[in-house]
């Protein structure tokens, strides 16, 4: 396998990331389509991040919990002992009878991300992969964002011929949390508004904040172009059969996105979960969560909902198919890849 290494040091010395180009291209050529009633869902991969440890991703994770994981999880998510794990970065393409929708937009090309160098100045054929599914940027009707972190909003924008960030999907309405927008603006301007937003939504002091520069190059151009629709994350439908469900903690107003069609349900979990092993020890928060305590509560709520409804779960960072089902096993939960 051809491996393009992106060396990075983020929070932990020696943490190495790899962008596994040939594996991503293989997955693209074998794209799987999922049916949820009248809706088709397709994974559009951007990159894979590999060669870092479970202990780094999930500080405090008890390795004995791995004994509960089915044998099939490890080869599809990392090495047998999870010394090295694999995360995927991708977008979900959703085609309803009426609309073409993207859920989250990945890292993006040419973004200045020196503080998170595995995302810095990427150059991937993401739009070509989207085009291979018959979708050009102009054909996208809606972009739905679970939250405003760097690896979920990057392809919101692209550089035009004058070197200006402009909406990648010029005809799309970008829907995302009004709270996330206000918080991002406050952090960007460093004027005290971020603290006011946290207070208003009863969130404490974060252990980390979003990657610097993300709001300016991937959110502001959407606002300036008037392509945004800022919403309240409260579970109400924003489009027919689609709602944003509150799952705060990973970010200040993180949302899971629920899609219903013909009695079937899909659950796009964003970053409530990063890796399948979290399902077996949901009380442990990832190092990427801004508000770890709140993220634990949201994780349990999401797991319960997914198991209760039998929804197909579409993850943001699980590798392999990135989709499957969350099952209940007594007081605990399990995972089955689709």
Protein backbone atom coordinates (compact mmCIF):
# COMPACT_ATOMS: atom_id res chain seq x y z
CA UNK A 1 0.00 0.00 0.00
CA UNK A 2 1.25 3.44 -0.90
CA UNK A 3 1.34 5.55 2.23
CA UNK A 4 1.61 9.33 2.32
CA UNK A 5 2.72 10.25 5.80
CA UNK A 6 1.67 13.43 7.47
CA UNK A 7 3.79 13.79 10.57
CA UNK A 8 2.08 15.73 13.27
CA UNK A 9 2.48 16.46 16.93
CA UNK A 10 -0.90 17.18 18.46
CA UNK A 11 -1.31 17.02 22.22
CA UNK A 12 0.90 13.91 22.42
CA UNK A 13 4.57 13.55 21.37
CA UNK A 14 5.19 11.02 18.66
CA UNK A 15 1.61 10.90 17.44
CA UNK A 16 1.93 10.09 13.75
CA UNK A 17 -0.81 10.40 11.18
CA UNK A 18 -0.92 8.82 7.75
CA UNK A 19 -3.08 9.69 4.81
CA UNK A 20 -3.60 6.32 3.19
CA UNK A 21 -4.24 7.40 -0.37
CA UNK A 22 -4.56 4.03 -2.10
CA UNK A 23 -6.94 2.70 0.55
CA UNK A 24 -9.19 5.74 0.18
CA UNK A 25 -9.17 5.35 -3.60
CA UNK A 26 -10.08 1.66 -3.24
CA UNK A 27 -13.02 2.54 -1.04
CA UNK A 28 -14.16 5.12 -3.58
CA UNK A 29 -14.15 2.59 -6.40
CA UNK A 30 -16.18 0.24 -4.20
CA UNK A 31 -18.64 2.87 -2.94
CA UNK A 32 -21.56 1.37 -1.08
CA UNK A 33 -25.03 2.77 -1.28
CA UNK A 34 -27.47 2.42 1.60
CA UNK A 35 -31.23 2.67 1.32
CA UNK A 36 -33.28 4.34 4.02
CA UNK A 37 -36.83 4.21 2.68
CA UNK A 38 -36.81 6.39 -0.45
CA UNK A 39 -33.39 7.87 0.38
CA UNK A 40 -29.95 6.77 -0.81
CA UNK A 41 -26.88 7.38 1.38
CA UNK A 42 -23.33 7.12 0.02
CA UNK A 43 -19.97 7.63 1.73
CA UNK A 44 -17.63 10.07 -0.05
CA UNK A 45 -14.17 9.49 1.50
CA UNK A 46 -11.58 12.20 1.87
CA UNK A 47 -8.74 10.80 4.00
CA UNK A 48 -7.76 8.18 6.55
CA UNK A 49 -5.74 8.94 9.67
CA UNK A 50 -3.70 6.05 11.03
CA UNK A 51 -0.83 4.99 13.28
CA UNK A 52 -1.87 6.48 16.59
CA UNK A 53 -2.95 4.70 19.72
CA UNK A 54 -6.27 4.11 21.38
CA UNK A 55 -4.80 5.46 24.62
CA UNK A 56 -4.15 8.79 22.90
CA UNK A 57 -7.59 9.05 21.32
CA UNK A 58 -9.45 7.92 24.44
CA UNK A 59 -7.51 8.84 27.59
CA UNK A 60 -8.47 6.54 30.44
CA UNK A 61 -9.89 3.79 28.23
CA UNK A 62 -9.68 0.40 29.98
CA UNK A 63 -8.16 -2.10 27.58
CA UNK A 64 -10.11 -4.94 29.21
CA UNK A 65 -13.18 -3.52 27.45
CA UNK A 66 -11.64 -4.75 24.19
CA UNK A 67 -12.53 -8.28 25.31
CA UNK A 68 -16.16 -7.38 24.74
CA UNK A 69 -15.56 -6.26 21.15
CA UNK A 70 -16.35 -8.73 18.36
CA UNK A 71 -13.35 -10.11 16.49
CA UNK A 72 -14.44 -8.31 13.33
CA UNK A 73 -13.99 -4.81 14.74
CA UNK A 74 -10.19 -4.80 15.09
CA UNK A 75 -9.17 -5.65 11.50
CA UNK A 76 -11.61 -3.04 10.23
CA UNK A 77 -10.59 -0.33 12.72
CA UNK A 78 -6.94 -0.92 13.65
CA UNK A 79 -4.47 -3.53 14.86
CA UNK A 80 -5.59 -6.47 17.01
CA UNK A 81 -4.64 -4.82 20.28
CA UNK A 82 -5.63 -1.36 19.06
CA UNK A 83 -2.06 -0.09 19.45
CA UNK A 84 -2.64 1.52 16.07
CA UNK A 85 -6.13 2.55 15.08
CA UNK A 86 -7.62 4.00 11.94
CA UNK A 87 -10.05 6.89 11.63
CA UNK A 88 -11.82 7.96 8.46
CA UNK A 89 -12.69 11.49 7.34
CA UNK A 90 -15.58 11.55 4.90
CA UNK A 91 -18.85 13.15 3.86
CA UNK A 92 -22.23 11.48 3.59
CA UNK A 93 -24.05 12.12 0.32
CA UNK A 94 -27.81 11.90 0.83
CA UNK A 95 -30.15 11.78 -2.15
CA UNK A 96 -33.84 12.14 -1.41
CA UNK A 97 -36.54 12.22 -4.10
CA UNK A 98 -36.40 16.04 -3.86
CA UNK A 99 -32.90 17.04 -2.80
CA UNK A 100 -29.18 16.37 -2.97
CA UNK A 101 -27.67 16.83 0.49
CA UNK A 102 -24.21 16.61 2.04
CA UNK A 103 -23.77 15.90 5.74
CA UNK A 104 -20.52 17.50 6.93
CA UNK A 105 -17.78 18.47 4.48
CA UNK A 106 -14.49 17.09 5.80
CA UNK A 107 -11.11 18.82 5.97
CA UNK A 108 -10.91 20.64 2.63
CA UNK A 109 -7.99 21.50 0.38
CA UNK A 110 -5.46 24.23 0.98
CA UNK A 111 -6.59 25.07 4.50
CA UNK A 112 -4.02 26.63 6.83
CA UNK A 113 -4.11 24.30 9.84
CA UNK A 114 -0.64 24.59 11.36
CA UNK A 115 -1.99 23.82 14.83
CA UNK A 116 -3.46 20.55 13.51
CA UNK A 117 -0.96 19.63 10.85
CA UNK A 118 -2.65 16.41 9.74
CA UNK A 119 -5.28 18.77 8.26
CA UNK A 120 -2.79 21.35 6.95
CA UNK A 121 -2.69 22.19 3.23
CA UNK A 122 -4.26 18.96 1.98
CA UNK A 123 -4.69 18.32 -1.72
CA UNK A 124 -7.18 15.50 -2.23
CA UNK A 125 -9.50 14.67 -5.16
CA UNK A 126 -12.57 14.88 -2.95
CA UNK A 127 -14.67 16.75 -5.52
CA UNK A 128 -13.73 14.18 -8.16
CA UNK A 129 -14.98 11.44 -5.85
CA UNK A 130 -18.22 13.34 -5.39
CA UNK A 131 -18.41 13.76 -9.17
CA UNK A 132 -17.97 10.02 -9.62
CA UNK A 133 -21.33 9.68 -7.87
CA UNK A 134 -22.89 12.01 -10.43
CA UNK A 135 -22.89 15.11 -8.23
CA UNK A 136 -21.21 18.35 -9.26
CA UNK A 137 -20.86 21.15 -6.68
CA UNK A 138 -23.62 23.20 -8.31
CA UNK A 139 -26.09 20.32 -7.88
CA UNK A 140 -25.95 20.26 -4.08
CA UNK A 141 -29.11 21.70 -2.53
CA UNK A 142 -28.25 21.53 1.18
CA UNK A 143 -25.17 21.13 3.35
CA UNK A 144 -26.02 20.02 6.89
CA UNK A 145 -23.31 20.45 9.53
CA UNK A 146 -23.26 18.52 12.80
CA UNK A 147 -20.79 21.05 14.24
CA UNK A 148 -18.13 23.54 13.16
CA UNK A 149 -14.84 21.70 13.74
CA UNK A 150 -12.09 21.79 11.11
CA UNK A 151 -12.63 18.25 9.84
CA UNK A 152 -16.37 18.77 9.34
CA UNK A 153 -16.56 22.13 7.55
CA UNK A 154 -13.45 22.23 5.34
CA UNK A 155 -15.11 21.72 1.98
CA UNK A 156 -17.69 24.38 2.82
CA UNK A 157 -15.34 26.62 0.86
CA UNK A 158 -12.68 26.54 -1.85
CA UNK A 159 -10.23 29.09 -3.20
CA UNK A 160 -11.38 30.90 -6.34
CA UNK A 161 -9.06 32.17 -9.09
CA UNK A 162 -8.36 35.30 -7.05
CA UNK A 163 -7.33 33.34 -3.96
CA UNK A 164 -10.53 34.15 -2.07
CA UNK A 165 -12.47 31.57 -0.07
CA UNK A 166 -15.92 31.11 -1.62
CA UNK A 167 -18.71 28.56 -1.10
CA UNK A 168 -17.80 25.26 -2.77
CA UNK A 169 -21.47 24.48 -3.29
CA UNK A 170 -22.75 27.81 -4.63
CA UNK A 171 -26.43 26.89 -4.84
CA UNK A 172 -26.63 25.10 -1.50
CA UNK A 173 -28.17 26.28 1.73
CA UNK A 174 -25.77 25.53 4.58
CA UNK A 175 -27.69 24.61 7.74
CA UNK A 176 -25.98 24.65 11.11
CA UNK A 177 -26.46 25.63 14.73
CA UNK A 178 -26.89 29.31 15.53
CA UNK A 179 -25.20 28.68 18.88
CA UNK A 180 -22.18 27.11 17.17
CA UNK A 181 -21.98 30.14 14.88
CA UNK A 182 -22.13 32.66 17.72
CA UNK A 183 -19.57 30.73 19.73
CA UNK A 184 -17.23 30.47 16.74
CA UNK A 185 -17.54 34.20 16.12
CA UNK A 186 -16.81 34.96 19.76
CA UNK A 187 -13.68 32.79 19.80
CA UNK A 188 -12.50 34.32 16.53
CA UNK A 189 -12.94 37.92 17.67
CA UNK A 190 -11.78 37.23 21.25
CA UNK A 191 -14.24 39.83 22.51
CA UNK A 192 -15.95 37.98 25.36
CA UNK A 193 -18.90 36.76 23.32
CA UNK A 194 -17.78 33.14 23.57
CA UNK A 195 -17.99 33.24 27.36
CA UNK A 196 -21.47 34.76 27.12
CA UNK A 197 -22.60 31.99 24.78
CA UNK A 198 -21.26 29.30 27.11
CA UNK A 199 -23.08 30.88 30.03
CA UNK A 200 -26.33 31.13 28.08
CA UNK A 201 -26.34 27.41 27.28
CA UNK A 202 -25.05 26.35 30.71
CA UNK A 203 -21.75 24.92 29.50
CA UNK A 204 -18.66 25.11 31.66
CA UNK A 205 -15.07 25.87 30.77
CA UNK A 206 -13.90 23.85 27.75
CA UNK A 207 -10.77 21.72 27.89
CA UNK A 208 -9.99 22.69 24.29
CA UNK A 209 -11.32 25.02 21.60
CA UNK A 210 -11.82 24.58 17.84
CA UNK A 211 -8.84 24.80 15.51
CA UNK A 212 -7.88 28.41 14.88
CA UNK A 213 -8.68 29.78 11.44
CA UNK A 214 -11.53 27.36 10.77
CA UNK A 215 -14.29 29.88 11.43
CA UNK A 216 -12.65 32.52 9.24
CA UNK A 217 -12.00 30.43 6.13
CA UNK A 218 -14.83 27.89 6.29
CA UNK A 219 -17.78 29.64 7.96
CA UNK A 220 -17.46 33.40 7.38
CA UNK A 221 -17.54 33.07 3.55
CA UNK A 222 -20.83 31.18 3.84
CA UNK A 223 -22.30 33.95 5.99
CA UNK A 224 -21.01 36.69 3.69
CA UNK A 225 -22.50 34.95 0.64
CA UNK A 226 -25.87 34.66 2.38
CA UNK A 227 -25.90 30.89 1.93
CA UNK A 228 -26.44 30.08 5.62
CA UNK A 229 -29.57 29.06 7.50
CA UNK A 230 -28.84 29.20 11.21
CA UNK A 231 -31.06 26.88 13.19
CA UNK A 232 -32.03 26.01 16.73
CA UNK A 233 -30.97 22.44 17.52
CA UNK A 234 -34.14 21.17 19.17
CA UNK A 235 -35.20 18.03 17.31
CA UNK A 236 -37.75 19.72 15.07
CA UNK A 237 -37.76 19.00 11.34
CA UNK A 238 -35.65 21.38 9.26
CA UNK A 239 -36.44 19.55 6.03
CA UNK A 240 -39.00 16.85 5.37
CA UNK A 241 -37.92 13.83 7.42
CA UNK A 242 -34.72 15.48 8.70
CA UNK A 243 -34.06 16.91 12.15
CA UNK A 244 -31.10 18.10 14.23
CA UNK A 245 -31.05 16.40 17.66
CA UNK A 246 -29.12 17.97 20.57
CA UNK A 247 -25.94 16.06 21.49
CA UNK A 248 -23.72 18.75 23.06
CA UNK A 249 -20.31 18.11 24.55
CA UNK A 250 -17.97 17.31 21.73
CA UNK A 251 -18.68 20.89 20.75
CA UNK A 252 -20.86 23.51 22.36
CA UNK A 253 -24.05 22.74 20.40
CA UNK A 254 -23.17 19.54 18.57
CA UNK A 255 -26.06 17.91 16.73
CA UNK A 256 -26.78 14.41 15.56
CA UNK A 257 -28.86 14.40 12.40
CA UNK A 258 -31.86 12.09 12.13
CA UNK A 259 -33.33 11.10 8.76
CA UNK A 260 -36.64 9.25 8.46
CA UNK A 261 -38.19 7.79 5.33
CA UNK A 262 -40.91 5.18 4.84
CA UNK A 263 -40.74 4.07 8.46
CA UNK A 264 -36.95 3.63 8.44
CA UNK A 265 -34.44 5.77 10.31
CA UNK A 266 -30.83 6.84 9.82
CA UNK A 267 -28.75 8.49 12.52
CA UNK A 268 -25.74 10.59 11.53
CA UNK A 269 -23.86 10.83 14.80
CA UNK A 270 -21.16 13.37 14.00
CA UNK A 271 -18.46 13.19 16.67
CA UNK A 272 -20.49 11.77 19.53
CA UNK A 273 -18.46 8.64 18.72
CA UNK A 274 -15.04 8.52 17.04
CA UNK A 275 -14.29 4.78 17.06
CA UNK A 276 -16.40 1.63 17.58
CA UNK A 277 -14.68 0.74 20.86
CA UNK A 278 -16.31 3.78 22.50
CA UNK A 279 -19.59 1.90 22.28
CA UNK A 280 -18.18 -0.63 24.74
CA UNK A 281 -16.97 2.02 27.21
CA UNK A 282 -19.08 5.14 26.52
CA UNK A 283 -18.12 6.91 29.73
CA UNK A 284 -14.67 7.69 28.28
CA UNK A 285 -14.49 10.91 26.24
CA UNK A 286 -12.15 11.43 23.31
CA UNK A 287 -9.28 13.90 23.50
CA UNK A 288 -11.09 16.00 20.88
CA UNK A 289 -14.15 16.73 23.03
CA UNK A 290 -14.39 20.34 24.18
CA UNK A 291 -16.76 19.57 27.06
CA UNK A 292 -16.04 15.95 28.11
CA UNK A 293 -18.63 15.68 30.89
CA UNK A 294 -21.48 16.77 28.65
CA UNK A 295 -20.21 14.56 25.81
CA UNK A 296 -20.60 11.47 28.01
CA UNK A 297 -24.26 12.20 28.62
CA UNK A 298 -24.90 12.79 24.93
CA UNK A 299 -23.14 9.56 24.02
CA UNK A 300 -25.42 7.51 26.28
CA UNK A 301 -28.54 9.24 24.93
CA UNK A 302 -27.46 8.58 21.34
CA UNK A 303 -26.58 4.93 22.03
CA UNK A 304 -29.94 4.37 23.67
CA UNK A 305 -31.81 5.98 20.78
CA UNK A 306 -29.90 4.04 18.11
CA UNK A 307 -30.44 0.72 19.87
CA UNK A 308 -34.11 1.44 20.59
CA UNK A 309 -35.04 2.51 17.06
CA UNK A 310 -32.80 0.10 15.15
CA UNK A 311 -31.56 3.05 13.09
CA UNK A 312 -28.71 2.62 10.66
CA UNK A 313 -25.85 4.54 12.25
CA UNK A 314 -23.66 6.61 9.92
CA UNK A 315 -20.47 7.61 11.73
CA UNK A 316 -18.14 10.49 10.96
CA UNK A 317 -14.86 8.72 11.75
CA UNK A 318 -15.29 4.94 11.92
CA UNK A 319 -13.17 3.30 9.22
CA UNK A 320 -14.19 0.62 6.70
CA UNK A 321 -17.87 1.07 5.75
CA UNK A 322 -18.28 3.69 8.54
CA UNK A 323 -21.88 2.51 8.90
CA UNK A 324 -23.69 -0.14 10.88
CA UNK A 325 -26.01 -0.77 13.79
CA UNK A 326 -25.76 -0.19 17.51
CA UNK A 327 -27.27 -3.03 19.52
CA UNK A 328 -28.21 -3.36 23.17
CA UNK A 329 -26.70 -6.13 25.30
CA UNK A 330 -28.30 -5.93 28.74
CA UNK A 331 -27.04 -2.68 30.22
CA UNK A 332 -24.31 -2.32 27.59
CA UNK A 333 -24.14 -1.84 23.84
CA UNK A 334 -22.53 -3.49 20.81
CA UNK A 335 -21.61 -2.62 17.23
CA UNK A 336 -22.14 -4.40 13.91
CA UNK A 337 -20.60 -3.02 10.71
CA UNK A 338 -22.94 -2.79 7.73
